[in-house]
């Protein structure tokens, strides 16, 4: 019974990675809903069963003779065709249209499964449950790792997920060893249950290690230069922000407060995007630093008249939320030829939101400072002053 419970825990751990993206978006009420694939574990289970059925004659017949070689090759091709929808199901929307990448991943998945089956010689014909478990656990771990790499945008959150799975592996490993089972059974003599537990445990360990490596590889450049342009932040559909597009982004101010504002994308760099911010506050007294935007020209992009700040701001890739539309050609030509677009003055110091503690906090799916929408303009502290009507 204890071994059964340990196996169930490991099975849930492997399947949970396929349910949805790794991280929730920072602003859950505003950012578009991330991909959720609740039926993914069932699809993987069905696909694993079909792959196992196709692999049984391959391991029984083997590549002996010309006729058997062609039969086995045809069955392996069918396995790739079965693995392709499994890989496509676990991939994000932006990668599902890349047929070559999906096909390459399907071939890789089949190679991993066949390699593990060959290594274990897991009684494909004599122990059906053992063979099916090996295929399922291997496929779930490989697809879970693919999904973690595709969706694990914030590296410290991904690292925390890897540590959680590592802790689960330590606890269940001790539990399995305490019940008298072993984590390295002999495939020729082990029972189906013992082999099931061992394969599930090693798949969990492999998934945890893979997530940790992916998090470490992504964390180093993140802390050095800022969030990368690839992969896309969770919850965005159109990516990356194209030059000339208008997006809503979290714009950080010098006091570390941040606020959602429309921004016009000017240029990409490896660690951030150069943009011009849009505000609805009247700037008619500062015409040299702002450009008037009329709603009649920006219909479908802006909701009301605004002013375009001609001082360039820098925004990390992780702070982009969603796309509004394109800048009108007349305004874009004006910005490229006549408008006084300028960089941030050197005396103003480094761009806000790009110091080490900003990058560290963003790697945790957080933000330094406070949301400016929740801060009173005249508030000197976090304490809200009691409101009272003055006597006239």
Protein backbone atom coordinates (compact mmCIF):
# COMPACT_ATOMS: atom_id res chain seq x y z
CA UNK A 1 0.00 0.00 0.00
CA UNK A 2 2.84 2.39 0.85
CA UNK A 3 4.55 1.63 -2.46
CA UNK A 4 1.26 2.27 -4.28
CA UNK A 5 0.86 5.67 -2.57
CA UNK A 6 4.46 6.61 -3.40
CA UNK A 7 3.88 5.70 -7.03
CA UNK A 8 0.65 7.74 -7.13
CA UNK A 9 2.47 10.78 -5.71
CA UNK A 10 5.23 10.50 -8.30
CA UNK A 11 2.71 9.99 -11.11
CA UNK A 12 0.82 13.15 -10.13
CA UNK A 13 4.11 15.03 -9.91
CA UNK A 14 5.03 14.04 -13.47
CA UNK A 15 1.58 14.80 -14.87
CA UNK A 16 1.10 18.15 -13.12
CA UNK A 17 3.87 19.77 -15.15
CA UNK A 18 1.82 19.25 -18.30
CA UNK A 19 -1.36 20.90 -17.03
CA UNK A 20 -0.38 24.51 -17.74
CA UNK A 21 2.38 27.09 -17.84
CA UNK A 22 4.95 27.17 -15.08
CA UNK A 23 4.23 30.67 -13.79
CA UNK A 24 1.14 32.77 -13.47
CA UNK A 25 1.42 36.30 -14.93
CA UNK A 26 2.33 39.07 -12.50
CA UNK A 27 -0.90 41.04 -13.09
CA UNK A 28 -3.49 38.29 -13.19
CA UNK A 29 -6.44 40.60 -13.73
CA UNK A 30 -4.87 42.37 -16.72
CA UNK A 31 -2.52 40.09 -18.61
CA UNK A 32 -4.08 37.61 -21.02
CA UNK A 33 -4.82 34.19 -19.56
CA UNK A 34 -1.86 31.78 -19.90
CA UNK A 35 -2.29 28.48 -21.66
CA UNK A 36 -3.97 25.77 -19.60
CA UNK A 37 -4.00 22.19 -20.88
CA UNK A 38 -6.11 20.24 -18.39
CA UNK A 39 -6.44 17.26 -20.73
CA UNK A 40 -2.71 16.96 -21.37
CA UNK A 41 -2.05 14.09 -18.89
CA UNK A 42 -4.85 12.04 -20.47
CA UNK A 43 -3.48 12.71 -23.95
CA UNK A 44 -0.02 11.67 -22.81
CA UNK A 45 -1.44 8.53 -21.21
CA UNK A 46 -3.27 7.53 -24.39
CA UNK A 47 -0.29 8.39 -26.60
CA UNK A 48 2.04 6.41 -24.35
CA UNK A 49 -0.24 3.38 -24.60
CA UNK A 50 -0.20 3.57 -28.43
CA UNK A 51 3.58 4.03 -28.49
CA UNK A 52 4.01 1.00 -26.23
CA UNK A 53 1.78 -1.13 -28.50
CA UNK A 54 3.90 -0.13 -31.50
CA UNK A 55 7.15 -0.82 -29.65
CA UNK A 56 6.22 -4.35 -28.53
CA UNK A 57 6.89 -5.97 -31.94
CA UNK A 58 10.04 -3.85 -32.38
CA UNK A 59 11.57 -5.30 -29.22
CA UNK A 60 10.26 -8.80 -29.98
CA UNK A 61 11.34 -8.98 -33.62
CA UNK A 62 14.41 -6.74 -33.55
CA UNK A 63 16.44 -5.56 -36.54
CA UNK A 64 17.27 -9.08 -37.70
CA UNK A 65 17.05 -9.58 -41.43
CA UNK A 66 15.90 -7.25 -44.17
CA UNK A 67 12.19 -7.91 -43.72
CA UNK A 68 12.25 -7.42 -39.95
CA UNK A 69 14.33 -4.27 -40.33
CA UNK A 70 11.73 -2.70 -42.62
CA UNK A 71 8.90 -3.70 -40.24
CA UNK A 72 10.67 -2.20 -37.23
CA UNK A 73 11.53 0.98 -39.14
CA UNK A 74 7.89 1.38 -40.20
CA UNK A 75 6.72 0.91 -36.60
CA UNK A 76 9.20 3.50 -35.34
CA UNK A 77 7.94 5.96 -37.97
CA UNK A 78 4.41 5.35 -36.66
CA UNK A 79 5.72 6.05 -33.14
CA UNK A 80 7.02 9.41 -34.36
CA UNK A 81 3.60 10.17 -35.87
CA UNK A 82 2.02 9.35 -32.50
CA UNK A 83 4.59 11.43 -30.61
CA UNK A 84 4.07 14.47 -32.84
CA UNK A 85 0.60 15.44 -31.51
CA UNK A 86 1.86 14.80 -27.96
CA UNK A 87 4.73 17.26 -28.50
CA UNK A 88 2.47 19.74 -30.23
CA UNK A 89 0.01 19.52 -27.35
CA UNK A 90 2.72 20.43 -24.83
CA UNK A 91 4.17 23.27 -26.92
CA UNK A 92 3.05 26.92 -26.54
CA UNK A 93 0.91 28.52 -29.23
CA UNK A 94 3.81 30.43 -30.76
CA UNK A 95 5.69 27.17 -31.48
CA UNK A 96 2.83 24.99 -32.68
CA UNK A 97 3.08 26.43 -36.19
CA UNK A 98 6.76 25.46 -36.48
CA UNK A 99 6.35 22.04 -38.08
CA UNK A 100 10.06 21.34 -38.32
CA UNK A 101 10.64 22.03 -34.62
CA UNK A 102 7.65 19.91 -33.57
CA UNK A 103 8.80 17.04 -35.81
CA UNK A 104 12.36 17.24 -34.44
CA UNK A 105 11.05 17.15 -30.88
CA UNK A 106 8.85 14.16 -31.71
CA UNK A 107 11.85 12.28 -33.10
CA UNK A 108 13.84 13.20 -30.00
CA UNK A 109 11.04 12.01 -27.72
CA UNK A 110 10.91 8.64 -29.49
CA UNK A 111 14.69 8.30 -29.28
CA UNK A 112 14.61 8.97 -25.54
CA UNK A 113 11.82 6.43 -24.97
CA UNK A 114 13.50 3.76 -27.10
CA UNK A 115 16.83 4.43 -25.39
CA UNK A 116 15.35 4.01 -21.91
CA UNK A 117 13.46 0.88 -22.96
CA UNK A 118 16.63 -0.61 -24.44
CA UNK A 119 18.64 0.30 -21.36
CA UNK A 120 16.16 -1.30 -18.98
CA UNK A 121 14.95 -4.11 -21.23
CA UNK A 122 11.75 -3.64 -19.30
CA UNK A 123 9.92 -6.85 -20.14
CA UNK A 124 7.96 -5.31 -22.99
CA UNK A 125 6.31 -8.57 -23.90
CA UNK A 126 6.27 -10.44 -20.58
CA UNK A 127 5.44 -7.53 -18.24
CA UNK A 128 2.96 -5.26 -20.02
CA UNK A 129 2.46 -2.97 -17.00
CA UNK A 130 6.20 -2.47 -16.63
CA UNK A 131 6.68 -1.61 -20.30
CA UNK A 132 3.72 0.78 -20.36
CA UNK A 133 4.95 2.49 -17.17
CA UNK A 134 8.41 3.01 -18.63
CA UNK A 135 6.94 4.61 -21.76
CA UNK A 136 4.55 6.82 -19.80
CA UNK A 137 7.07 8.00 -17.21
CA UNK A 138 9.75 8.70 -19.81
CA UNK A 139 7.36 10.56 -22.13
CA UNK A 140 5.85 12.57 -19.27
CA UNK A 141 9.29 13.60 -17.98
CA UNK A 142 10.54 14.58 -21.45
CA UNK A 143 7.38 16.54 -22.33
CA UNK A 144 7.33 18.14 -18.88
CA UNK A 145 10.88 19.33 -19.38
CA UNK A 146 10.01 20.72 -22.82
CA UNK A 147 7.08 22.58 -21.36
CA UNK A 148 9.17 23.90 -18.46
CA UNK A 149 11.76 25.24 -20.90
CA UNK A 150 9.06 26.82 -23.08
CA UNK A 151 6.97 28.31 -20.27
CA UNK A 152 9.46 28.65 -17.41
CA UNK A 153 10.04 32.33 -18.08
CA UNK A 154 10.94 33.59 -14.58
CA UNK A 155 14.09 31.65 -13.63
CA UNK A 156 13.86 31.82 -9.84
CA UNK A 157 10.27 30.57 -9.93
CA UNK A 158 11.40 27.72 -12.18
CA UNK A 159 14.27 27.00 -9.79
CA UNK A 160 11.85 26.90 -6.86
CA UNK A 161 9.69 24.43 -8.78
CA UNK A 162 12.78 22.27 -9.39
CA UNK A 163 13.64 22.34 -5.67
CA UNK A 164 10.10 21.30 -4.77
CA UNK A 165 10.33 18.30 -7.09
CA UNK A 166 13.77 17.46 -5.73
CA UNK A 167 12.39 17.51 -2.19
CA UNK A 168 9.52 15.27 -3.27
CA UNK A 169 12.04 12.88 -4.84
CA UNK A 170 14.06 12.75 -1.60
CA UNK A 171 10.98 12.05 0.52
CA UNK A 172 9.54 9.40 -1.80
CA UNK A 173 13.00 7.85 -2.28
CA UNK A 174 13.34 7.43 1.47
CA UNK A 175 9.77 6.10 1.60
CA UNK A 176 10.45 3.54 -1.15
CA UNK A 177 13.70 2.43 0.48
CA UNK A 178 11.97 2.17 3.88
CA UNK A 179 9.33 -0.20 2.42
CA UNK A 180 12.06 -2.62 1.30
CA UNK A 181 11.99 -1.71 -2.39
CA UNK A 182 14.97 -0.47 -4.36
CA UNK A 183 15.50 2.46 -6.67
CA UNK A 184 17.72 0.40 -9.01
CA UNK A 185 15.93 -2.94 -9.55
CA UNK A 186 17.18 -5.62 -11.91
CA UNK A 187 14.93 -5.37 -14.98
CA UNK A 188 15.22 -9.12 -15.63
CA UNK A 189 13.96 -10.18 -12.20
CA UNK A 190 12.08 -7.19 -10.76
CA UNK A 191 8.33 -7.20 -10.45
CA UNK A 192 6.23 -4.78 -12.44
CA UNK A 193 5.44 -2.75 -9.30
CA UNK A 194 9.10 -2.36 -8.30
CA UNK A 195 10.06 -1.33 -11.82
CA UNK A 196 7.12 1.09 -11.94
CA UNK A 197 8.25 2.86 -8.77
CA UNK A 198 11.89 3.05 -9.88
CA UNK A 199 11.08 4.48 -13.31
CA UNK A 200 8.67 7.05 -11.87
CA UNK A 201 11.25 8.09 -9.28
CA UNK A 202 14.10 8.47 -11.75
CA UNK A 203 11.84 10.36 -14.16
CA UNK A 204 10.97 12.81 -11.37
CA UNK A 205 14.66 13.23 -10.54
CA UNK A 206 15.47 13.84 -14.21
CA UNK A 207 12.67 16.39 -14.55
CA UNK A 208 13.84 18.21 -11.42
CA UNK A 209 17.45 18.29 -12.62
CA UNK A 210 16.43 19.49 -16.07
CA UNK A 211 14.32 22.32 -14.63
CA UNK A 212 17.21 23.35 -12.36
CA UNK A 213 19.65 23.45 -15.28
CA UNK A 214 17.21 25.45 -17.43
CA UNK A 215 16.65 27.90 -14.56
CA UNK A 216 20.40 28.36 -13.97
CA UNK A 217 21.13 28.87 -17.67
CA UNK A 218 18.40 31.51 -17.88
CA UNK A 219 19.18 33.19 -14.55
CA UNK A 220 22.81 34.15 -15.29
CA UNK A 221 22.12 36.38 -18.34
CA UNK A 222 18.91 37.63 -16.69
CA UNK A 223 20.82 39.04 -13.71
CA UNK A 224 23.60 40.32 -15.95
CA UNK A 225 21.68 42.12 -18.70
CA UNK A 226 17.98 41.76 -17.91
CA UNK A 227 15.07 39.55 -19.05
CA UNK A 228 15.61 37.96 -22.48
CA UNK A 229 13.47 38.51 -25.54
CA UNK A 230 12.94 34.77 -25.93
CA UNK A 231 10.90 32.97 -24.70
CA UNK A 232 7.85 35.21 -24.48
CA UNK A 233 6.51 36.22 -21.05
CA UNK A 234 3.53 34.14 -19.90
CA UNK A 235 0.15 35.29 -21.07
CA UNK A 236 1.09 37.27 -24.20
CA UNK A 237 -0.08 36.16 -27.62
CA UNK A 238 1.69 38.51 -30.05
CA UNK A 239 5.45 38.41 -29.51
CA UNK A 240 7.95 40.02 -29.73
CA UNK A 241 6.83 43.69 -29.71
CA UNK A 242 7.37 44.92 -33.26
CA UNK A 243 8.90 48.31 -34.00
CA UNK A 244 6.05 50.78 -34.49
CA UNK A 245 3.56 48.81 -32.37
CA UNK A 246 1.73 50.23 -29.36
CA UNK A 247 1.71 48.04 -26.25
CA UNK A 248 0.58 48.37 -22.67
CA UNK A 249 3.56 47.88 -20.38
CA UNK A 250 4.55 48.44 -16.77
CA UNK A 251 6.52 51.68 -16.89
CA UNK A 252 8.81 52.17 -13.87
CA UNK A 253 9.45 55.69 -12.57
CA UNK A 254 12.51 57.08 -10.81
CA UNK A 255 10.88 56.56 -7.40
CA UNK A 256 10.45 52.82 -8.19
CA UNK A 257 6.68 53.16 -8.47
CA UNK A 258 5.31 51.61 -11.65
CA UNK A 259 2.12 51.97 -13.64
CA UNK A 260 0.52 50.47 -16.72
CA UNK A 261 0.89 52.84 -19.66
CA UNK A 262 0.64 52.59 -23.46
CA UNK A 263 4.09 52.73 -25.05
CA UNK A 264 5.29 53.04 -28.64
CA UNK A 265 8.07 50.58 -29.50
CA UNK A 266 11.13 52.20 -31.10
CA UNK A 267 13.97 49.68 -30.96
CA UNK A 268 14.95 46.26 -29.58
CA UNK A 269 18.11 45.49 -27.65
CA UNK A 270 19.22 42.16 -26.09
CA UNK A 271 18.09 43.16 -22.59
CA UNK A 272 15.35 45.78 -23.00
CA UNK A 273 13.17 47.73 -25.45
CA UNK A 274 13.45 51.46 -26.19
CA UNK A 275 9.99 53.03 -26.15
CA UNK A 276 8.11 56.33 -25.95
CA UNK A 277 5.45 56.52 -23.23
CA UNK A 278 1.90 57.77 -23.76
CA UNK A 279 0.04 59.73 -21.08
CA UNK A 280 -3.48 61.13 -20.91
CA UNK A 281 -2.39 64.06 -18.70
CA UNK A 282 -2.59 67.39 -20.54
CA UNK A 283 0.89 68.49 -21.62
CA UNK A 284 -0.08 71.48 -23.75
CA UNK A 285 2.31 73.65 -21.72
CA UNK A 286 5.25 71.38 -22.68
CA UNK A 287 4.83 71.02 -26.44
CA UNK A 288 8.58 70.71 -27.07
CA UNK A 289 8.79 67.53 -25.01
CA UNK A 290 5.46 65.96 -26.00
CA UNK A 291 3.52 65.24 -29.15
CA UNK A 292 -0.26 65.57 -29.25
CA UNK A 293 -2.11 62.34 -30.18
CA UNK A 294 -5.68 62.78 -31.38
CA UNK A 295 -8.16 59.95 -30.95
CA UNK A 296 -9.48 60.42 -34.50
CA UNK A 297 -6.07 59.36 -35.84
CA UNK A 298 -5.48 56.62 -33.24
CA UNK A 299 -8.92 55.01 -33.45
CA UNK A 300 -8.77 51.40 -32.20
CA UNK A 301 -5.34 51.91 -30.61
CA UNK A 302 -5.99 54.53 -27.91
CA UNK A 303 -9.22 55.14 -26.00
CA UNK A 304 -8.87 58.93 -25.73
CA UNK A 305 -6.61 61.80 -26.70
CA UNK A 306 -3.11 61.54 -25.31
CA UNK A 307 0.39 62.98 -25.31
CA UNK A 308 3.48 61.11 -26.50
CA UNK A 309 6.54 61.64 -24.32
CA UNK A 310 9.49 62.25 -26.67
CA UNK A 311 12.05 61.17 -24.07
CA UNK A 312 13.07 57.56 -24.68
CA UNK A 313 12.34 55.09 -21.86
CA UNK A 314 13.76 51.59 -21.37
CA UNK A 315 11.41 48.73 -20.51
CA UNK A 316 12.40 45.11 -19.71
CA UNK A 317 10.82 42.44 -21.87
CA UNK A 318 9.02 40.92 -18.88
CA UNK A 319 7.07 44.17 -18.31
CA UNK A 320 5.17 44.06 -21.63
CA UNK A 321 1.53 43.06 -21.16
CA UNK A 322 -0.50 43.16 -24.38
CA UNK A 323 -0.57 44.75 -27.83
CA UNK A 324 -2.96 47.54 -28.88
CA UNK A 325 -2.13 48.17 -32.53
CA UNK A 326 0.16 50.06 -34.90
CA UNK A 327 1.34 53.66 -34.91
CA UNK A 328 -0.20 55.70 -37.77
CA UNK A 329 2.18 56.27 -40.68
CA UNK A 330 2.03 60.07 -40.38
CA UNK A 331 3.07 60.05 -36.73
CA UNK A 332 5.81 57.48 -37.35
CA UNK A 333 7.24 59.51 -40.22
CA UNK A 334 7.14 62.59 -38.03
CA UNK A 335 9.06 60.79 -35.29
CA UNK A 336 11.67 59.60 -37.79
CA UNK A 337 12.21 63.01 -39.43
CA UNK A 338 11.11 66.08 -37.48
CA UNK A 339 10.16 65.21 -33.90
CA UNK A 340 12.67 65.98 -31.14
CA UNK A 341 13.03 62.40 -29.88
CA UNK A 342 15.81 62.35 -27.27
CA UNK A 343 17.52 59.94 -24.91
CA UNK A 344 17.31 60.11 -21.14
CA UNK A 345 19.72 62.76 -19.79
CA UNK A 346 22.93 61.35 -18.31
CA UNK A 347 22.52 63.47 -15.17
CA UNK A 348 19.21 61.73 -14.46
CA UNK A 349 21.12 58.54 -13.61
CA UNK A 350 20.52 54.99 -14.82
CA UNK A 351 17.15 54.06 -16.26
CA UNK A 352 14.70 53.01 -13.52
CA UNK A 353 14.01 49.33 -13.18
CA UNK A 354 17.41 48.06 -14.31
CA UNK A 355 19.54 47.88 -11.17
CA UNK A 356 20.53 44.47 -9.81
CA UNK A 357 17.75 44.35 -7.20
CA UNK A 358 15.20 45.17 -9.90
CA UNK A 359 16.46 42.31 -12.07
CA UNK A 360 16.59 39.94 -9.09
CA UNK A 361 13.04 40.77 -8.08
CA UNK A 362 11.76 40.41 -11.63
CA UNK A 363 13.37 36.94 -11.82
CA UNK A 364 11.03 36.04 -8.93
CA UNK A 365 8.01 37.27 -10.92
CA UNK A 366 7.88 40.38 -8.76
CA UNK A 367 8.50 44.10 -9.00
CA UNK A 368 10.46 46.56 -6.87
CA UNK A 369 8.33 49.43 -5.59
CA UNK A 370 4.59 49.89 -5.56
CA UNK A 371 1.87 49.97 -8.16
CA UNK A 372 1.30 53.68 -8.75
CA UNK A 373 -2.43 53.07 -9.23
CA UNK A 374 -2.63 52.27 -5.51
CA UNK A 375 -0.59 55.28 -4.30
CA UNK A 376 -2.29 58.63 -3.60
CA UNK A 377 -0.69 61.54 -5.38
CA UNK A 378 -0.36 63.48 -2.11
CA UNK A 379 0.47 60.51 0.10
CA UNK A 380 3.77 60.83 1.93
CA UNK A 381 3.69 57.30 3.34
CA UNK A 382 1.82 54.02 3.12
CA UNK A 383 -0.63 55.11 5.80
CA UNK A 384 -3.88 56.42 4.30
CA UNK A 385 -4.91 59.68 5.94
CA UNK A 386 -8.54 59.89 7.15
CA UNK A 387 -10.76 61.80 4.75
CA UNK A 388 -12.83 64.66 6.17
CA UNK A 389 -14.95 67.32 4.48
CA UNK A 390 -13.76 70.82 5.35
CA UNK A 391 -16.39 73.17 6.71
CA UNK A 392 -17.09 76.02 4.29
